[in-house]
């Protein structure tokens, strides 16, 4: 169902197996099976096969993302990624893309219902979405004339990747982080403040307030993520203005706890490190 050239060898993907072929000195039969090169690992999504920086990646017949760097592949996907892949009704439409930009190596899988992005160096997965969609509009990636290019699956245009201009075409890129459920069960939890380690002073000189005065938004859920409060905005600093981003007096959470969501849509560089909650368990 799929084929890949990797490390001067040919990999043939079946639905339930993977076979490796190596070069020979026979001009009539230039490749032959490598002894011990057959593996009982198949490929469920032929268009997911991609290679980058000495790594071959694909989605196997158990809907797991496999990564091959030597003689044997390793599982590169946590359980929630596997569930997302299995829940896609059109798995044949899943497309894999691998590329390197800004010193970071990425593997992305896109489908009609999702885009997942894998930071290979940090071994971290994340969702990637364009505003108004449940997936990223970009599709594929090639290097041409020194630029990394992707296609826009919605409009058919070509995008140039530029780390200094975080945009999806004309749409800003939204960074969203959602905390796990936080509680002090069986006692209530009083939260006095949330401190976010957000890169600040990134605003630019512009008539667009999204650029000149960027903000971070906080939403709070007090029912396990089923509903969310209105966003509370905090400035993350104009150009050269360094500040700590703190939300105060966030109220009390009952024993079932709550969750917090931080989002940044401004057209500036975005980076969030640690977040710290300052609170007390119990009525005190």
C-alpha atoms as a PDB file:
ATOM      1  CA  UNK A   1       0.000   0.000   0.000  1.00  0.00           C
ATOM      2  CA  UNK A   2       3.010   2.327   0.340  1.00  0.00           C
ATOM      3  CA  UNK A   3       6.700   2.682  -0.486  1.00  0.00           C
ATOM      4  CA  UNK A   4       9.525   4.813   0.913  1.00  0.00           C
ATOM      5  CA  UNK A   5      13.193   5.362   0.128  1.00  0.00           C
ATOM      6  CA  UNK A   6      15.097   5.662   3.383  1.00  0.00           C
ATOM      7  CA  UNK A   7      18.798   5.320   4.138  1.00  0.00           C
ATOM      8  CA  UNK A   8      19.603   3.924   0.648  1.00  0.00           C
ATOM      9  CA  UNK A   9      17.051   1.174   1.191  1.00  0.00           C
ATOM     10  CA  UNK A  10      13.505   0.631  -0.035  1.00  0.00           C
ATOM     11  CA  UNK A  11      10.690   0.005   2.434  1.00  0.00           C
ATOM     12  CA  UNK A  12       7.553  -1.716   1.166  1.00  0.00           C
ATOM     13  CA  UNK A  13       4.482  -1.203   3.354  1.00  0.00           C
ATOM     14  CA  UNK A  14       1.679  -3.742   3.431  1.00  0.00           C
ATOM     15  CA  UNK A  15      -1.527  -3.622   5.423  1.00  0.00           C
ATOM     16  CA  UNK A  16      -0.008  -5.893   8.089  1.00  0.00           C
ATOM     17  CA  UNK A  17       3.735  -6.016   7.364  1.00  0.00           C
ATOM     18  CA  UNK A  18       6.800  -3.974   6.439  1.00  0.00           C
ATOM     19  CA  UNK A  19       9.536  -5.344   4.181  1.00  0.00           C
ATOM     20  CA  UNK A  20      12.991  -3.830   3.664  1.00  0.00           C
ATOM     21  CA  UNK A  21      14.922  -4.181   0.403  1.00  0.00           C
ATOM     22  CA  UNK A  22      18.595  -3.293  -0.040  1.00  0.00           C
ATOM     23  CA  UNK A  23      20.741  -2.526  -3.112  1.00  0.00           C
ATOM     24  CA  UNK A  24      22.566  -5.312  -4.982  1.00  0.00           C
ATOM     25  CA  UNK A  25      25.252  -5.472  -7.686  1.00  0.00           C
ATOM     26  CA  UNK A  26      22.828  -7.070 -10.132  1.00  0.00           C
ATOM     27  CA  UNK A  27      21.682  -4.582 -12.785  1.00  0.00           C
ATOM     28  CA  UNK A  28      18.687  -6.797 -13.597  1.00  0.00           C
ATOM     29  CA  UNK A  29      17.639  -7.057  -9.950  1.00  0.00           C
ATOM     30  CA  UNK A  30      18.946  -3.890  -8.257  1.00  0.00           C
ATOM     31  CA  UNK A  31      17.124  -4.465  -4.959  1.00  0.00           C
ATOM     32  CA  UNK A  32      16.475  -7.607  -2.963  1.00  0.00           C
ATOM     33  CA  UNK A  33      14.914  -8.366   0.440  1.00  0.00           C
ATOM     34  CA  UNK A  34      17.204  -7.770   3.403  1.00  0.00           C
ATOM     35  CA  UNK A  35      17.576 -10.759   5.719  1.00  0.00           C
ATOM     36  CA  UNK A  36      15.590 -10.164   8.890  1.00  0.00           C
ATOM     37  CA  UNK A  37      14.175  -7.002   7.319  1.00  0.00           C
ATOM     38  CA  UNK A  38      10.512  -8.044   7.435  1.00  0.00           C
ATOM     39  CA  UNK A  39       8.446  -6.743  10.349  1.00  0.00           C
ATOM     40  CA  UNK A  40       4.891  -7.551  11.445  1.00  0.00           C
ATOM     41  CA  UNK A  41       3.951  -3.880  11.396  1.00  0.00           C
ATOM     42  CA  UNK A  42       1.633  -2.652   8.678  1.00  0.00           C
ATOM     43  CA  UNK A  43       0.373   0.696   7.445  1.00  0.00           C
ATOM     44  CA  UNK A  44      -3.237   1.836   7.863  1.00  0.00           C
ATOM     45  CA  UNK A  45      -2.799   5.254   6.216  1.00  0.00           C
ATOM     46  CA  UNK A  46      -0.508   5.152   3.146  1.00  0.00           C
ATOM     47  CA  UNK A  47      -0.450   8.942   2.820  1.00  0.00           C
ATOM     48  CA  UNK A  48       0.921   9.256   6.366  1.00  0.00           C
ATOM     49  CA  UNK A  49       4.380   7.989   5.327  1.00  0.00           C
ATOM     50  CA  UNK A  50       7.012  10.752   5.590  1.00  0.00           C
ATOM     51  CA  UNK A  51      10.718  11.081   6.377  1.00  0.00           C
ATOM     52  CA  UNK A  52      12.779  13.884   7.879  1.00  0.00           C
ATOM     53  CA  UNK A  53      16.234  14.222   9.465  1.00  0.00           C
ATOM     54  CA  UNK A  54      17.028  10.502   9.405  1.00  0.00           C
ATOM     55  CA  UNK A  55      13.596   9.415  10.640  1.00  0.00           C
ATOM     56  CA  UNK A  56      10.821   7.549   8.843  1.00  0.00           C
ATOM     57  CA  UNK A  57       7.295   7.979  10.246  1.00  0.00           C
ATOM     58  CA  UNK A  58       3.890   6.480   9.427  1.00  0.00           C
ATOM     59  CA  UNK A  59       0.604   5.317  10.998  1.00  0.00           C
ATOM     60  CA  UNK A  60       0.586   1.542  11.486  1.00  0.00           C
ATOM     61  CA  UNK A  61      -2.263  -0.975  11.338  1.00  0.00           C
ATOM     62  CA  UNK A  62      -3.020  -0.352  15.040  1.00  0.00           C
ATOM     63  CA  UNK A  63      -3.389   3.415  14.387  1.00  0.00           C
ATOM     64  CA  UNK A  64      -0.131   4.095  16.218  1.00  0.00           C
ATOM     65  CA  UNK A  65       2.453   6.537  14.881  1.00  0.00           C
ATOM     66  CA  UNK A  66       5.675   4.611  14.319  1.00  0.00           C
ATOM     67  CA  UNK A  67       9.118   6.218  13.977  1.00  0.00           C
ATOM     68  CA  UNK A  68      12.069   4.359  12.472  1.00  0.00           C
ATOM     69  CA  UNK A  69      15.620   5.586  13.022  1.00  0.00           C
ATOM     70  CA  UNK A  70      17.541   2.295  12.952  1.00  0.00           C
ATOM     71  CA  UNK A  71      16.549  -1.297  12.352  1.00  0.00           C
ATOM     72  CA  UNK A  72      13.353  -1.322  14.421  1.00  0.00           C
ATOM     73  CA  UNK A  73      10.586   1.292  14.706  1.00  0.00           C
ATOM     74  CA  UNK A  74       9.377   2.743  18.012  1.00  0.00           C
ATOM     75  CA  UNK A  75       5.945   3.903  19.145  1.00  0.00           C
ATOM     76  CA  UNK A  76       5.878   7.720  18.957  1.00  0.00           C
ATOM     77  CA  UNK A  77       2.242   8.385  19.923  1.00  0.00           C
ATOM     78  CA  UNK A  78       0.484   8.593  23.307  1.00  0.00           C
ATOM     79  CA  UNK A  79      -2.932   7.008  23.761  1.00  0.00           C
ATOM     80  CA  UNK A  80      -4.914  10.188  23.094  1.00  0.00           C
ATOM     81  CA  UNK A  81      -3.264  10.539  19.673  1.00  0.00           C
ATOM     82  CA  UNK A  82      -4.164   6.930  18.824  1.00  0.00           C
ATOM     83  CA  UNK A  83      -7.774   7.563  19.874  1.00  0.00           C
ATOM     84  CA  UNK A  84      -7.929  10.684  17.690  1.00  0.00           C
ATOM     85  CA  UNK A  85      -6.686   8.728  14.674  1.00  0.00           C
ATOM     86  CA  UNK A  86      -9.133   5.855  15.273  1.00  0.00           C
ATOM     87  CA  UNK A  87     -12.052   8.286  15.624  1.00  0.00           C
ATOM     88  CA  UNK A  88     -11.427   9.772  12.168  1.00  0.00           C
ATOM     89  CA  UNK A  89     -14.123   8.255   9.902  1.00  0.00           C
ATOM     90  CA  UNK A  90     -12.030   8.691   6.735  1.00  0.00           C
ATOM     91  CA  UNK A  91      -8.614   7.375   7.758  1.00  0.00           C
ATOM     92  CA  UNK A  92      -7.570   7.021   4.112  1.00  0.00           C
ATOM     93  CA  UNK A  93      -7.660  10.831   3.969  1.00  0.00           C
ATOM     94  CA  UNK A  94      -5.016  11.232   6.697  1.00  0.00           C
ATOM     95  CA  UNK A  95      -1.908  12.880   5.228  1.00  0.00           C
ATOM     96  CA  UNK A  96       1.486  12.987   6.941  1.00  0.00           C
ATOM     97  CA  UNK A  97       4.033  15.753   6.472  1.00  0.00           C
ATOM     98  CA  UNK A  98       7.513  16.075   7.979  1.00  0.00           C
ATOM     99  CA  UNK A  99       9.773  19.115   7.872  1.00  0.00           C
ATOM    100  CA  UNK A 100      12.407  21.099   9.772  1.00  0.00           C
ATOM    101  CA  UNK A 101      12.143  24.814  10.478  1.00  0.00           C
ATOM    102  CA  UNK A 102      13.882  27.070  12.983  1.00  0.00           C
ATOM    103  CA  UNK A 103      15.883  24.159  14.387  1.00  0.00           C
ATOM    104  CA  UNK A 104      12.724  22.194  15.244  1.00  0.00           C
ATOM    105  CA  UNK A 105      11.738  18.942  13.529  1.00  0.00           C
ATOM    106  CA  UNK A 106       8.003  18.409  13.003  1.00  0.00           C
ATOM    107  CA  UNK A 107       5.756  15.567  11.876  1.00  0.00           C
ATOM    108  CA  UNK A 108       2.145  16.529  11.181  1.00  0.00           C
ATOM    109  CA  UNK A 109      -0.885  14.410  10.383  1.00  0.00           C
ATOM    110  CA  UNK A 110      -3.955  16.124   8.940  1.00  0.00           C
ATOM    111  CA  UNK A 111      -7.428  14.747   8.326  1.00  0.00           C
ATOM    112  CA  UNK A 112     -10.844  16.291   7.683  1.00  0.00           C
ATOM    113  CA  UNK A 113     -11.482  16.431  11.447  1.00  0.00           C
ATOM    114  CA  UNK A 114      -8.072  17.237  12.958  1.00  0.00           C
ATOM    115  CA  UNK A 115      -4.427  18.223  12.586  1.00  0.00           C
ATOM    116  CA  UNK A 116      -1.916  16.885  15.097  1.00  0.00           C
ATOM    117  CA  UNK A 117       1.641  18.189  15.305  1.00  0.00           C
ATOM    118  CA  UNK A 118       4.575  16.227  16.769  1.00  0.00           C
ATOM    119  CA  UNK A 119       7.728  17.999  17.967  1.00  0.00           C
ATOM    120  CA  UNK A 120      10.191  15.159  17.430  1.00  0.00           C
ATOM    121  CA  UNK A 121      13.085  16.628  19.438  1.00  0.00           C
ATOM    122  CA  UNK A 122      10.920  17.295  22.503  1.00  0.00           C
ATOM    123  CA  UNK A 123       8.653  14.264  22.032  1.00  0.00           C
ATOM    124  CA  UNK A 124       5.565  16.485  22.418  1.00  0.00           C
ATOM    125  CA  UNK A 125       2.234  16.336  20.578  1.00  0.00           C
ATOM    126  CA  UNK A 126      -0.243  19.204  20.164  1.00  0.00           C
ATOM    127  CA  UNK A 127      -3.376  20.106  18.235  1.00  0.00           C
ATOM    128  CA  UNK A 128      -3.079  22.596  15.388  1.00  0.00           C
ATOM    129  CA  UNK A 129      -6.141  24.509  14.191  1.00  0.00           C
ATOM    130  CA  UNK A 130      -7.008  27.491  12.017  1.00  0.00           C
ATOM    131  CA  UNK A 131      -9.626  29.908  13.367  1.00  0.00           C
ATOM    132  CA  UNK A 132     -13.106  28.643  12.485  1.00  0.00           C
ATOM    133  CA  UNK A 133     -11.862  25.135  11.622  1.00  0.00           C
ATOM    134  CA  UNK A 134     -11.105  21.975  13.573  1.00  0.00           C
ATOM    135  CA  UNK A 135      -7.878  21.424  11.597  1.00  0.00           C
ATOM    136  CA  UNK A 136      -4.988  23.469  10.199  1.00  0.00           C
ATOM    137  CA  UNK A 137      -5.560  24.931   6.738  1.00  0.00           C
ATOM    138  CA  UNK A 138      -2.011  24.167   5.632  1.00  0.00           C
ATOM    139  CA  UNK A 139      -1.256  20.938   3.791  1.00  0.00           C
ATOM    140  CA  UNK A 140       2.085  19.364   2.911  1.00  0.00           C
ATOM    141  CA  UNK A 141       5.538  20.953   3.033  1.00  0.00           C
ATOM    142  CA  UNK A 142       8.402  21.222   0.530  1.00  0.00           C
ATOM    143  CA  UNK A 143      11.583  23.278   0.420  1.00  0.00           C
ATOM    144  CA  UNK A 144      11.917  25.422  -2.704  1.00  0.00           C
ATOM    145  CA  UNK A 145      14.451  28.203  -3.332  1.00  0.00           C
ATOM    146  CA  UNK A 146      15.414  28.156   0.337  1.00  0.00           C
ATOM    147  CA  UNK A 147      11.836  28.578   1.570  1.00  0.00           C
ATOM    148  CA  UNK A 148       9.518  26.071   3.265  1.00  0.00           C
ATOM    149  CA  UNK A 149       6.187  26.058   1.400  1.00  0.00           C
ATOM    150  CA  UNK A 150       2.767  24.588   2.178  1.00  0.00           C
ATOM    151  CA  UNK A 151      -0.527  24.569   0.312  1.00  0.00           C
ATOM    152  CA  UNK A 152      -3.727  26.100   1.666  1.00  0.00           C
ATOM    153  CA  UNK A 153      -6.309  23.304   1.577  1.00  0.00           C
ATOM    154  CA  UNK A 154      -9.181  25.822   1.773  1.00  0.00           C
ATOM    155  CA  UNK A 155      -8.180  28.306  -0.965  1.00  0.00           C
ATOM    156  CA  UNK A 156      -5.518  26.524  -3.017  1.00  0.00           C
ATOM    157  CA  UNK A 157      -2.874  29.204  -2.473  1.00  0.00           C
ATOM    158  CA  UNK A 158       0.758  28.658  -1.490  1.00  0.00           C
ATOM    159  CA  UNK A 159       2.052  29.704   1.934  1.00  0.00           C
ATOM    160  CA  UNK A 160       5.637  30.524   2.892  1.00  0.00           C
ATOM    161  CA  UNK A 161       6.513  29.462   6.441  1.00  0.00           C
ATOM    162  CA  UNK A 162       7.943  32.414   8.357  1.00  0.00           C
ATOM    163  CA  UNK A 163       8.559  31.995  12.125  1.00  0.00           C
ATOM    164  CA  UNK A 164       8.634  35.797  12.463  1.00  0.00           C
ATOM    165  CA  UNK A 165       5.126  36.190  11.033  1.00  0.00           C
ATOM    166  CA  UNK A 166       2.771  33.781  12.838  1.00  0.00           C
ATOM    167  CA  UNK A 167      -0.209  33.850  10.472  1.00  0.00           C
ATOM    168  CA  UNK A 168      -2.435  31.344   8.655  1.00  0.00           C
ATOM    169  CA  UNK A 169      -2.791  33.301   5.442  1.00  0.00           C
ATOM    170  CA  UNK A 170      -4.823  36.314   6.566  1.00  0.00           C
ATOM    171  CA  UNK A 171      -5.861  34.687   9.862  1.00  0.00           C
ATOM    172  CA  UNK A 172      -3.888  35.022  13.115  1.00  0.00           C
ATOM    173  CA  UNK A 173      -2.567  31.871  14.733  1.00  0.00           C
ATOM    174  CA  UNK A 174      -4.173  31.147  18.104  1.00  0.00           C
ATOM    175  CA  UNK A 175      -2.115  29.515  20.835  1.00  0.00           C
ATOM    176  CA  UNK A 176      -4.375  27.786  23.362  1.00  0.00           C
ATOM    177  CA  UNK A 177      -3.335  25.894  26.495  1.00  0.00           C
ATOM    178  CA  UNK A 178      -5.875  24.061  28.673  1.00  0.00           C
ATOM    179  CA  UNK A 179      -4.982  22.799  32.133  1.00  0.00           C
ATOM    180  CA  UNK A 180      -6.005  19.418  33.497  1.00  0.00           C
ATOM    181  CA  UNK A 181      -8.773  19.375  36.104  1.00  0.00           C
ATOM    182  CA  UNK A 182      -7.445  21.053  39.262  1.00  0.00           C
ATOM    183  CA  UNK A 183      -9.065  20.381  42.637  1.00  0.00           C
ATOM    184  CA  UNK A 184      -8.483  19.852  46.365  1.00  0.00           C
ATOM    185  CA  UNK A 185     -11.231  17.230  46.790  1.00  0.00           C
ATOM    186  CA  UNK A 186     -13.011  16.665  49.099  1.00  0.00           C
ATOM    187  CA  UNK A 187     -12.352  20.263  50.183  1.00  0.00           C
ATOM    188  CA  UNK A 188     -13.104  23.328  48.054  1.00  0.00           C
ATOM    189  CA  UNK A 189     -10.219  25.246  46.504  1.00  0.00           C
ATOM    190  CA  UNK A 190      -9.810  29.021  46.762  1.00  0.00           C
ATOM    191  CA  UNK A 191      -7.613  30.398  43.951  1.00  0.00           C
ATOM    192  CA  UNK A 192      -6.084  33.791  44.653  1.00  0.00           C
ATOM    193  CA  UNK A 193      -4.036  34.195  41.478  1.00  0.00           C
ATOM    194  CA  UNK A 194      -2.668  32.527  38.367  1.00  0.00           C
ATOM    195  CA  UNK A 195       0.871  33.443  37.300  1.00  0.00           C
ATOM    196  CA  UNK A 196       1.791  32.705  33.670  1.00  0.00           C
ATOM    197  CA  UNK A 197       5.362  32.643  32.381  1.00  0.00           C
ATOM    198  CA  UNK A 198       4.563  34.247  29.002  1.00  0.00           C
ATOM    199  CA  UNK A 199       7.138  35.820  26.714  1.00  0.00           C
ATOM    200  CA  UNK A 200       6.518  39.562  26.986  1.00  0.00           C
ATOM    201  CA  UNK A 201       7.623  42.769  25.320  1.00  0.00           C
ATOM    202  CA  UNK A 202       6.882  41.305  21.889  1.00  0.00           C
ATOM    203  CA  UNK A 203       4.528  44.015  20.656  1.00  0.00           C
ATOM    204  CA  UNK A 204       5.560  45.947  17.570  1.00  0.00           C
ATOM    205  CA  UNK A 205       5.086  49.439  16.196  1.00  0.00           C
ATOM    206  CA  UNK A 206       1.788  49.240  14.320  1.00  0.00           C
ATOM    207  CA  UNK A 207      -1.663  50.765  13.986  1.00  0.00           C
ATOM    208  CA  UNK A 208      -3.056  47.278  14.584  1.00  0.00           C
ATOM    209  CA  UNK A 209      -3.702  46.838  18.345  1.00  0.00           C
ATOM    210  CA  UNK A 210      -3.217  43.090  17.899  1.00  0.00           C
ATOM    211  CA  UNK A 211       0.432  43.900  17.119  1.00  0.00           C
ATOM    212  CA  UNK A 212       1.128  47.022  19.169  1.00  0.00           C
ATOM    213  CA  UNK A 213      -0.644  45.937  22.385  1.00  0.00           C
ATOM    214  CA  UNK A 214      -0.943  42.130  22.401  1.00  0.00           C
ATOM    215  CA  UNK A 215      -3.028  40.414  25.079  1.00  0.00           C
ATOM    216  CA  UNK A 216      -3.455  36.993  26.632  1.00  0.00           C
ATOM    217  CA  UNK A 217      -6.937  35.732  27.481  1.00  0.00           C
ATOM    218  CA  UNK A 218      -7.934  33.558  30.439  1.00  0.00           C
ATOM    219  CA  UNK A 219     -11.147  31.521  30.598  1.00  0.00           C
ATOM    220  CA  UNK A 220     -12.232  29.450  33.590  1.00  0.00           C
ATOM    221  CA  UNK A 221     -14.398  26.345  33.807  1.00  0.00           C
ATOM    222  CA  UNK A 222     -16.002  25.403  37.099  1.00  0.00           C
ATOM    223  CA  UNK A 223     -17.812  22.294  35.813  1.00  0.00           C
ATOM    224  CA  UNK A 224     -15.035  20.105  34.437  1.00  0.00           C
ATOM    225  CA  UNK A 225     -14.714  21.853  31.078  1.00  0.00           C
ATOM    226  CA  UNK A 226     -18.364  21.667  30.011  1.00  0.00           C
ATOM    227  CA  UNK A 227     -18.772  25.458  30.067  1.00  0.00           C
ATOM    228  CA  UNK A 228     -16.373  28.392  30.245  1.00  0.00           C
ATOM    229  CA  UNK A 229     -16.413  31.934  31.594  1.00  0.00           C
ATOM    230  CA  UNK A 230     -16.032  35.039  29.502  1.00  0.00           C
ATOM    231  CA  UNK A 231     -12.375  35.733  28.683  1.00  0.00           C
ATOM    232  CA  UNK A 232     -10.329  37.942  31.001  1.00  0.00           C
ATOM    233  CA  UNK A 233      -7.702  39.903  29.044  1.00  0.00           C
ATOM    234  CA  UNK A 234      -4.223  40.816  30.278  1.00  0.00           C
ATOM    235  CA  UNK A 235      -1.546  42.751  28.396  1.00  0.00           C
ATOM    236  CA  UNK A 236       1.627  40.862  27.553  1.00  0.00           C
ATOM    237  CA  UNK A 237       3.588  44.035  26.924  1.00  0.00           C
ATOM    238  CA  UNK A 238       4.216  46.552  24.198  1.00  0.00           C
ATOM    239  CA  UNK A 239       7.572  46.605  22.443  1.00  0.00           C
ATOM    240  CA  UNK A 240      10.348  46.398  25.038  1.00  0.00           C
ATOM    241  CA  UNK A 241       7.854  46.396  27.912  1.00  0.00           C
ATOM    242  CA  UNK A 242       8.570  43.428  30.179  1.00  0.00           C
ATOM    243  CA  UNK A 243       5.923  42.440  32.686  1.00  0.00           C
ATOM    244  CA  UNK A 244       4.660  39.484  34.677  1.00  0.00           C
ATOM    245  CA  UNK A 245       1.245  38.245  33.561  1.00  0.00           C
ATOM    246  CA  UNK A 246      -1.007  37.623  36.582  1.00  0.00           C
ATOM    247  CA  UNK A 247      -4.751  37.068  36.924  1.00  0.00           C
ATOM    248  CA  UNK A 248      -6.035  37.680  40.485  1.00  0.00           C
ATOM    249  CA  UNK A 249      -9.081  36.844  42.614  1.00  0.00           C
ATOM    250  CA  UNK A 250     -10.241  33.853  40.593  1.00  0.00           C
ATOM    251  CA  UNK A 251     -12.728  32.619  43.174  1.00  0.00           C
ATOM    252  CA  UNK A 252     -13.568  29.319  44.824  1.00  0.00           C
ATOM    253  CA  UNK A 253     -13.906  25.917  43.180  1.00  0.00           C
ATOM    254  CA  UNK A 254     -16.001  23.169  44.721  1.00  0.00           C
ATOM    255  CA  UNK A 255     -14.672  19.669  45.292  1.00  0.00           C
ATOM    256  CA  UNK A 256     -15.077  18.673  41.606  1.00  0.00           C
ATOM    257  CA  UNK A 257     -12.512  21.393  40.790  1.00  0.00           C
ATOM    258  CA  UNK A 258     -12.039  23.436  37.654  1.00  0.00           C
ATOM    259  CA  UNK A 259      -9.883  24.047  34.601  1.00  0.00           C
ATOM    260  CA  UNK A 260      -8.094  27.054  33.122  1.00  0.00           C
ATOM    261  CA  UNK A 261      -7.532  28.029  29.489  1.00  0.00           C
ATOM    262  CA  UNK A 262      -4.959  30.588  28.313  1.00  0.00           C
ATOM    263  CA  UNK A 263      -5.105  31.745  24.699  1.00  0.00           C
ATOM    264  CA  UNK A 264      -3.139  34.287  22.639  1.00  0.00           C
ATOM    265  CA  UNK A 265      -4.301  35.285  19.154  1.00  0.00           C
ATOM    266  CA  UNK A 266      -2.230  38.434  18.657  1.00  0.00           C
ATOM    267  CA  UNK A 267      -0.020  38.559  15.559  1.00  0.00           C
ATOM    268  CA  UNK A 268       3.215  38.356  17.569  1.00  0.00           C
ATOM    269  CA  UNK A 269       5.631  35.685  18.765  1.00  0.00           C
ATOM    270  CA  UNK A 270       3.969  33.439  21.332  1.00  0.00           C
ATOM    271  CA  UNK A 271       5.553  31.319  24.039  1.00  0.00           C
ATOM    272  CA  UNK A 272       4.201  30.113  27.395  1.00  0.00           C
ATOM    273  CA  UNK A 273       6.403  28.384  29.929  1.00  0.00           C
ATOM    274  CA  UNK A 274       5.264  27.504  33.443  1.00  0.00           C
ATOM    275  CA  UNK A 275       1.936  28.462  34.984  1.00  0.00           C
ATOM    276  CA  UNK A 276       1.519  28.661  38.759  1.00  0.00           C
ATOM    277  CA  UNK A 277      -1.714  28.725  40.789  1.00  0.00           C
ATOM    278  CA  UNK A 278      -1.701  30.411  44.179  1.00  0.00           C
ATOM    279  CA  UNK A 279      -4.527  29.027  46.302  1.00  0.00           C
ATOM    280  CA  UNK A 280      -5.666  27.354  49.495  1.00  0.00           C
ATOM    281  CA  UNK A 281      -7.584  24.136  50.084  1.00  0.00           C
ATOM    282  CA  UNK A 282     -10.576  24.339  52.389  1.00  0.00           C
ATOM    283  CA  UNK A 283     -12.636  27.259  53.625  1.00  0.00           C
ATOM    284  CA  UNK A 284      -9.519  29.113  54.862  1.00  0.00           C
END
